[in-house]
Amino acid sequence: MSQKVKIAVDAMGGENSPRKIIQGLEISLKEDNNNFFYLYGDENLIKKEIHKNSPVSKNSEIINVKEKILDDESPFSAAKRGKETSMWKSIESLKDKKADIALSAGNTGAMLVISRLLLKTIEGINKPALAALWPNQNDMSVVLDLGANIDCNEKNLSDFASMGSALFKSLFNNKRPRLALLNVGLEETKGNEILKKTFSILKNNEINDFEFSGYIEGNNIMSGNIDVIVTDGFTGNVALKTAEGTANFITTNLKNSLNKLSMLISYNSLKKFKEKLDPRKYNGAIFLGLENPLVKSHGSTDSIGFAHSINVCNKIVRGNLIQKIKSNLLTVDEKLKQ
C-alpha cells in the first residue's frame, strides 16, 4: 500500500480535546507522514489549535460538526441523539468508505454501540471484541476481550483467538503468534466447560495461523512467552484493571520510598523502568469483528499517547487486519460445525 492511510478522527472526544488531538497529530506526522486525517469536530476550535506551517494543515481535512458525545453520557443516550456528533460522523465515514479506519478518545460505551449500529460484523462473527496491547517481559502481547462481552461461549472465544492472532500479525508482522486461553490452571482438565470446549477446538484446529499453547494463568500474562491471550470480557476487564492498579501502586510507592540520593544513583534504571510501564506506549484499544477497524484511545491520555494510537491505526490498515481476520475464521467455523 503506497497511498496514505486515511484516518477518521473524532477530534472532540476525551479530555483536553481538540488540543491534545492536534498535538498528537503533529507528533505523529513528524515521525511518519504517511497518514491523512479527516478531523470531525468544531471547526473553529480545531483551527485555533493548528499553528501556522503545522504539518497538520497539509495532511488533514476538517469536517465541521458542532455536537459531541459527553464522556459520562450513557451509551444508549449517546446513540439516540448521536447522529450529529463528531464520534458518529467519524465512524459513519467508514460506512461511506471515505476513511480506512476511525479513531476516538471519547466515550467507550458510546463508541461500541454506535459502531454496531452503523457497521456490519464480519460474516461468521457473532460478537465483536475489544483488544489491547499489553506490556510483557520481551515486548507486547495482544489481550482480548477486555470488556465488550461479559458472557461468551466457545464459538466466541474461538473467534477471539482468530481475531487476536490476526491483529498481532498485522501489528508485528508475525506469521504464527503463540496463543493461550486465560484460566485458573495449566492442566487441560482445569476451568469451566466453555474453556474446556474452546481448548479442544483450538487444540485440534488446522488453521496453522497461530500456535496454540494451551492455558495461561494470570501471573504469567506479562512473562512474554505468549503473544495472544484470549478470555471473556468480564475476566479480561478485571485483569486489565488489576494490572493498571498494580502498576500505579508500584510506581507511586517506589517513588515515595526513594530519597533524592538513591534516585540520582539509580536514575538510568528508574528511567527504563518508568518507560517500560508508561501506559502511553500501549494506548489504543482495537474493536475487532466489524467490517471496518476502529481504535479507541484512552480518554485521559496526553498528546504522546494519542500519537501512539495513530501509529496503531497505521499498522492495522497496512497490515490488512480485516482480510487476515476473514482468512483465519473459515477453518475455525468449519471445526465448530463438525
Protein backbone atom coordinates (compact mmCIF):
# COMPACT_ATOMS: atom_id res chain seq x y z
CA MET A 1 0.00 0.00 0.00
CA SER A 2 1.73 3.15 -1.23
CA GLN A 3 -1.00 5.75 -0.70
CA LYS A 4 -1.58 7.41 2.65
CA VAL A 5 -3.71 5.75 5.30
CA LYS A 6 -6.94 7.72 5.72
CA ILE A 7 -7.87 8.05 9.39
CA ALA A 8 -11.21 9.47 10.55
CA VAL A 9 -10.59 11.22 13.88
CA ASP A 10 -13.19 12.20 16.47
CA ALA A 11 -11.44 15.47 17.31
CA MET A 12 -13.73 16.28 20.25
CA GLY A 13 -13.55 13.04 22.25
CA GLY A 14 -11.70 12.68 25.56
CA GLU A 15 -10.08 15.10 27.96
CA ASN A 16 -8.41 18.29 26.70
CA SER A 17 -9.69 17.89 23.15
CA PRO A 18 -9.22 19.09 20.48
CA ARG A 19 -5.87 20.43 21.74
CA LYS A 20 -4.31 17.06 22.59
CA ILE A 21 -5.72 15.60 19.36
CA ILE A 22 -3.98 18.18 17.18
CA GLN A 23 -0.76 17.96 19.19
CA GLY A 24 -0.87 14.18 18.84
CA LEU A 25 -1.28 14.51 15.08
CA GLU A 26 1.74 16.83 14.94
CA ILE A 27 3.89 14.36 16.88
CA SER A 28 2.76 11.54 14.62
CA LEU A 29 3.36 13.43 11.37
CA LYS A 30 6.91 14.36 12.40
CA GLU A 31 7.68 10.66 12.77
CA ASP A 32 5.62 9.39 9.81
CA ASN A 33 3.74 11.49 7.26
CA ASN A 34 2.05 8.51 5.59
CA ASN A 35 -1.33 9.34 7.14
CA PHE A 36 -4.13 11.68 6.10
CA PHE A 37 -6.67 12.76 8.71
CA TYR A 38 -10.36 13.62 8.46
CA LEU A 39 -10.99 15.70 11.57
CA TYR A 40 -14.60 15.67 12.79
CA GLY A 41 -15.45 18.41 15.25
CA ASP A 42 -15.95 22.12 15.87
CA GLU A 43 -14.06 23.79 13.03
CA ASN A 44 -13.36 26.99 14.96
CA LEU A 45 -11.91 25.16 17.96
CA ILE A 46 -9.83 22.84 15.78
CA LYS A 47 -8.36 25.66 13.69
CA LYS A 48 -7.28 27.51 16.85
CA GLU A 49 -5.04 24.57 17.73
CA ILE A 50 -3.39 24.26 14.31
CA HIS A 51 -0.39 26.59 14.24
CA LYS A 52 0.97 28.28 11.16
CA ASN A 53 3.07 25.92 8.99
CA SER A 54 1.89 22.96 11.05
CA PRO A 55 2.10 19.65 9.14
CA VAL A 56 -1.49 19.01 10.25
CA SER A 57 -2.87 21.66 7.89
CA LYS A 58 -1.27 19.92 4.89
CA ASN A 59 -2.33 16.44 5.89
CA SER A 60 -5.90 16.87 7.09
CA GLU A 61 -9.40 17.99 6.24
CA ILE A 62 -11.76 19.44 8.83
CA ILE A 63 -15.41 18.38 8.72
CA ASN A 64 -17.37 20.85 10.82
CA VAL A 65 -19.52 19.08 13.44
CA LYS A 66 -20.80 21.14 16.36
CA GLU A 67 -22.11 18.40 18.63
CA LYS A 68 -20.06 15.92 20.65
CA ILE A 69 -20.76 12.95 22.90
CA LEU A 70 -20.02 13.57 26.57
CA ASP A 71 -17.62 11.31 28.45
CA ASP A 72 -20.19 10.49 31.15
CA GLU A 73 -23.13 10.05 28.78
CA SER A 74 -24.85 6.66 28.70
CA PRO A 75 -24.16 4.67 25.51
CA PHE A 76 -27.84 4.46 24.54
CA SER A 77 -28.45 8.16 25.18
CA ALA A 78 -25.41 8.95 23.05
CA ALA A 79 -26.62 6.69 20.27
CA LYS A 80 -30.14 8.15 20.36
CA ARG A 81 -29.01 11.73 19.86
CA GLY A 82 -25.63 10.99 18.31
CA LYS A 83 -26.24 11.36 14.57
CA GLU A 84 -24.89 14.90 14.52
CA THR A 85 -21.90 14.28 16.79
CA SER A 86 -18.21 14.08 15.94
CA MET A 87 -17.98 10.43 17.04
CA TRP A 88 -20.96 9.33 14.95
CA LYS A 89 -19.74 11.16 11.85
CA SER A 90 -16.20 9.79 12.14
CA ILE A 91 -17.48 6.20 12.37
CA GLU A 92 -20.03 6.83 9.60
CA SER A 93 -17.15 7.78 7.30
CA LEU A 94 -16.09 4.10 7.38
CA LYS A 95 -19.53 3.03 6.21
CA ASP A 96 -19.29 5.57 3.39
CA LYS A 97 -15.76 4.29 2.54
CA LYS A 98 -14.28 7.74 2.98
CA ALA A 99 -11.76 6.59 5.59
CA ASP A 100 -9.80 3.36 6.18
CA ILE A 101 -10.08 3.40 9.98
CA ALA A 102 -11.65 5.51 12.75
CA LEU A 103 -10.04 6.77 15.96
CA SER A 104 -11.63 8.31 19.05
CA ALA A 105 -10.62 9.12 22.61
CA GLY A 106 -14.27 9.56 23.57
CA ASN A 107 -16.87 7.54 25.46
CA THR A 108 -16.03 3.82 25.06
CA GLY A 109 -19.55 2.53 25.57
CA ALA A 110 -20.98 5.01 23.09
CA MET A 111 -18.33 4.07 20.53
CA LEU A 112 -19.18 0.37 20.83
CA VAL A 113 -22.93 0.96 20.47
CA ILE A 114 -22.66 3.45 17.60
CA SER A 115 -20.24 1.25 15.68
CA ARG A 116 -22.62 -1.70 15.99
CA LEU A 117 -25.46 0.48 14.66
CA LEU A 118 -23.51 1.79 11.68
CA LEU A 119 -21.20 -1.06 10.68
CA LYS A 120 -21.73 -4.69 9.74
CA THR A 121 -19.99 -7.51 11.56
CA ILE A 122 -17.62 -9.76 9.64
CA GLU A 123 -19.52 -12.80 8.36
CA GLY A 124 -19.22 -15.63 10.87
CA ILE A 125 -18.61 -13.43 13.92
CA ASN A 126 -21.40 -13.11 16.49
CA LYS A 127 -19.68 -10.83 18.98
CA PRO A 128 -17.00 -8.22 18.26
CA ALA A 129 -14.31 -7.92 20.93
CA LEU A 130 -12.19 -5.19 22.47
CA ALA A 131 -8.46 -5.94 22.26
CA ALA A 132 -5.44 -4.06 23.54
CA LEU A 133 -1.67 -4.19 23.70
CA TRP A 134 -0.21 -5.37 26.98
CA PRO A 135 3.45 -4.91 28.03
CA ASN A 136 5.41 -8.07 28.70
CA GLN A 137 8.96 -9.11 29.50
CA ASN A 138 10.00 -9.06 25.83
CA ASP A 139 7.75 -6.54 24.10
CA MET A 140 3.93 -6.60 23.85
CA SER A 141 1.06 -9.08 23.82
CA VAL A 142 -2.47 -8.78 22.46
CA VAL A 143 -5.18 -9.44 25.06
CA LEU A 144 -8.90 -9.80 24.34
CA ASP A 145 -11.76 -9.45 25.21
CA LEU A 146 -11.35 -6.54 27.64
CA GLY A 147 -14.97 -5.71 28.34
CA ALA A 148 -17.15 -5.76 25.23
CA ASN A 149 -18.72 -9.15 26.08
CA ILE A 150 -19.40 -10.31 29.63
CA ASP A 151 -20.82 -13.71 28.62
CA CYS A 152 -19.04 -15.78 25.96
CA ASN A 153 -19.36 -19.30 24.60
CA GLU A 154 -16.75 -21.48 22.90
CA LYS A 155 -17.67 -20.05 19.48
CA ASN A 156 -17.00 -16.51 20.69
CA LEU A 157 -13.69 -17.42 22.33
CA SER A 158 -12.59 -19.28 19.19
CA ASP A 159 -13.42 -16.19 17.11
CA PHE A 160 -11.43 -14.06 19.57
CA ALA A 161 -8.47 -16.38 19.01
CA SER A 162 -8.67 -15.87 15.25
CA MET A 163 -9.13 -12.10 15.55
CA GLY A 164 -6.40 -11.70 18.16
CA SER A 165 -3.85 -13.64 16.14
CA ALA A 166 -4.76 -11.62 13.02
CA LEU A 167 -4.26 -8.39 14.97
CA PHE A 168 -0.88 -9.50 16.32
CA LYS A 169 0.30 -10.41 12.83
CA SER A 170 -0.90 -7.07 11.46
CA LEU A 171 0.92 -5.08 14.14
CA PHE A 172 4.15 -7.06 14.37
CA ASN A 173 4.48 -8.87 11.02
CA ASN A 174 4.49 -12.18 12.86
CA LYS A 175 3.34 -15.16 10.80
CA ARG A 176 2.46 -17.52 13.64
CA PRO A 177 1.92 -15.97 17.09
CA ARG A 178 1.74 -18.10 20.24
CA LEU A 179 -1.79 -18.10 21.68
CA ALA A 180 -3.24 -19.21 25.01
CA LEU A 181 -6.53 -19.17 26.96
CA LEU A 182 -6.56 -17.38 30.30
CA ASN A 183 -7.51 -19.88 33.01
CA VAL A 184 -7.13 -20.76 36.70
CA GLY A 185 -4.66 -23.56 35.93
CA LEU A 186 -2.50 -25.10 33.21
CA GLU A 187 -3.93 -28.62 33.14
CA GLU A 188 -6.29 -29.45 30.29
CA THR A 189 -8.98 -30.52 32.78
CA LYS A 190 -8.98 -27.17 34.61
CA GLY A 191 -11.58 -24.44 34.12
CA ASN A 192 -15.27 -24.32 33.24
CA GLU A 193 -16.96 -26.23 30.43
CA ILE A 194 -16.75 -23.33 27.97
CA LEU A 195 -12.98 -23.10 28.42
CA LYS A 196 -12.59 -26.86 28.03
CA LYS A 197 -14.61 -26.88 24.81
CA THR A 198 -12.63 -23.92 23.47
CA PHE A 199 -9.39 -25.68 24.41
CA SER A 200 -10.46 -28.71 22.35
CA ILE A 201 -11.41 -26.57 19.35
CA LEU A 202 -8.13 -24.65 19.33
CA LYS A 203 -6.01 -27.71 20.08
CA ASN A 204 -7.42 -29.56 17.07
CA ASN A 205 -7.55 -26.63 14.67
CA GLU A 206 -5.78 -26.97 11.32
CA ILE A 207 -5.57 -23.28 10.53
CA ASN A 208 -1.84 -23.03 11.39
CA ASP A 209 -2.06 -19.24 11.64
CA PHE A 210 -1.25 -19.41 15.33
CA GLU A 211 0.50 -21.81 17.66
CA PHE A 212 -1.91 -22.91 20.39
CA SER A 213 -0.05 -23.11 23.71
CA GLY A 214 -2.93 -24.23 25.94
CA TYR A 215 -3.76 -22.32 29.09
CA ILE A 216 -2.01 -19.41 30.76
CA GLU A 217 -2.51 -18.23 34.35
CA GLY A 218 -2.88 -14.60 35.36
CA ASN A 219 0.58 -14.42 36.95
CA ASN A 220 2.20 -15.22 33.59
CA ILE A 221 0.37 -12.72 31.38
CA MET A 222 3.45 -10.48 31.30
CA SER A 223 6.06 -13.24 31.04
CA GLY A 224 6.49 -12.71 27.30
CA ASN A 225 6.01 -16.39 26.47
CA ILE A 226 2.58 -15.83 24.87
CA ASP A 227 1.73 -13.33 22.11
CA VAL A 228 -2.10 -13.52 22.17
CA ILE A 229 -4.16 -14.10 25.33
CA VAL A 230 -7.86 -14.91 24.98
CA THR A 231 -10.57 -14.58 27.63
CA ASP A 232 -14.15 -13.35 28.11
CA GLY A 233 -14.86 -9.65 28.63
CA PHE A 234 -15.60 -9.97 32.35
CA THR A 235 -12.33 -11.71 33.21
CA GLY A 236 -10.33 -9.59 30.78
CA ASN A 237 -11.60 -6.31 32.20
CA VAL A 238 -10.90 -7.41 35.77
CA ALA A 239 -7.38 -8.46 34.76
CA LEU A 240 -6.78 -5.15 32.98
CA LYS A 241 -7.94 -3.00 35.89
CA THR A 242 -5.93 -5.12 38.33
CA ALA A 243 -2.77 -4.71 36.22
CA GLU A 244 -3.29 -0.94 35.90
CA GLY A 245 -3.82 -0.59 39.63
CA THR A 246 -0.77 -2.71 40.44
CA ALA A 247 1.43 -0.68 38.07
CA ASN A 248 0.26 2.58 39.67
CA PHE A 249 0.83 1.15 43.15
CA ILE A 250 4.39 0.07 42.32
CA THR A 251 5.46 3.31 40.64
CA THR A 252 3.90 5.52 43.33
CA ASN A 253 5.37 3.60 46.26
CA LEU A 254 8.76 3.22 44.59
CA LYS A 255 8.94 6.98 44.12
CA ASN A 256 7.89 7.61 47.73
CA SER A 257 10.38 5.07 49.09
CA LEU A 258 13.48 6.53 47.42
CA ASN A 259 15.33 9.59 48.64
CA LYS A 260 16.97 12.08 46.28
CA LEU A 261 20.40 10.45 46.51
CA SER A 262 19.20 6.93 45.76
CA MET A 263 17.07 8.25 42.90
CA LEU A 264 20.10 10.02 41.45
CA ILE A 265 22.25 6.89 41.70
CA SER A 266 19.54 4.73 40.15
CA TYR A 267 18.43 7.30 37.56
CA ASN A 268 19.06 5.25 34.41
CA SER A 269 17.47 2.10 35.83
CA LEU A 270 14.44 4.02 37.08
CA LYS A 271 14.08 5.75 33.73
CA LYS A 272 13.99 2.41 31.88
CA PHE A 273 11.52 1.05 34.44
CA LYS A 274 9.23 4.05 34.01
CA GLU A 275 9.39 3.81 30.21
CA LYS A 276 8.51 0.11 30.35
CA LEU A 277 5.35 0.83 32.35
CA ASP A 278 4.40 4.05 30.52
CA PRO A 279 0.73 3.45 29.57
CA ARG A 280 1.03 5.88 26.67
CA LYS A 281 3.15 3.34 24.77
CA TYR A 282 0.27 0.86 24.84
CA ASN A 283 -2.51 3.33 24.12
CA GLY A 284 -5.06 2.28 21.55
CA ALA A 285 -7.64 -0.45 22.18
CA ILE A 286 -8.93 -2.08 18.99
CA PHE A 287 -12.56 -3.04 18.34
CA LEU A 288 -12.39 -6.30 16.37
CA GLY A 289 -15.07 -8.16 14.45
CA LEU A 290 -16.60 -5.40 12.32
CA GLU A 291 -16.14 -4.95 8.58
CA ASN A 292 -14.15 -1.79 9.36
CA PRO A 293 -11.48 -1.29 12.02
CA LEU A 294 -11.85 1.13 14.93
CA VAL A 295 -9.32 2.21 17.55
CA LYS A 296 -10.21 3.61 20.96
CA SER A 297 -7.63 5.89 22.56
CA HIS A 298 -7.74 6.30 26.33
CA GLY A 299 -9.76 9.40 27.19
CA SER A 300 -7.25 10.74 29.71
CA THR A 301 -4.10 10.15 27.68
CA ASP A 302 -1.99 13.09 26.50
CA SER A 303 -0.78 14.01 23.03
CA ILE A 304 2.05 11.46 23.15
CA GLY A 305 -0.38 8.67 23.98
CA PHE A 306 -2.70 9.80 21.20
CA ALA A 307 0.21 9.75 18.75
CA HIS A 308 0.84 6.11 19.72
CA SER A 309 -2.79 5.26 18.91
CA ILE A 310 -2.32 6.83 15.47
CA ASN A 311 0.64 4.53 14.92
CA VAL A 312 -1.60 1.57 15.81
CA CYS A 313 -4.14 2.74 13.21
CA ASN A 314 -1.49 2.91 10.52
CA LYS A 315 -0.17 -0.60 11.27
CA ILE A 316 -3.67 -2.09 11.31
CA VAL A 317 -4.54 -0.75 7.86
CA ARG A 318 -1.17 -1.53 6.27
CA GLY A 319 -1.22 -4.96 7.88
CA ASN A 320 -4.57 -5.80 6.19
CA LEU A 321 -6.18 -6.71 9.51
CA ILE A 322 -9.73 -7.26 8.23
CA GLN A 323 -8.60 -9.60 5.46
CA LYS A 324 -6.44 -11.56 7.91
CA ILE A 325 -9.43 -12.00 10.24
CA LYS A 326 -11.61 -13.25 7.41
CA SER A 327 -8.95 -15.72 6.31
CA ASN A 328 -8.49 -17.02 9.86
CA LEU A 329 -12.18 -17.56 10.56
CA LEU A 330 -13.02 -20.05 7.83
CA THR A 331 -11.34 -23.13 9.28
CA VAL A 332 -12.35 -22.36 12.86
CA ASP A 333 -16.03 -22.09 11.92
CA GLU A 334 -15.86 -25.34 9.99
CA LYS A 335 -14.47 -27.08 13.05
CA LEU A 336 -17.33 -25.80 15.18
CA LYS A 337 -19.92 -27.26 12.76
CA GLN A 338 -18.48 -30.75 12.99
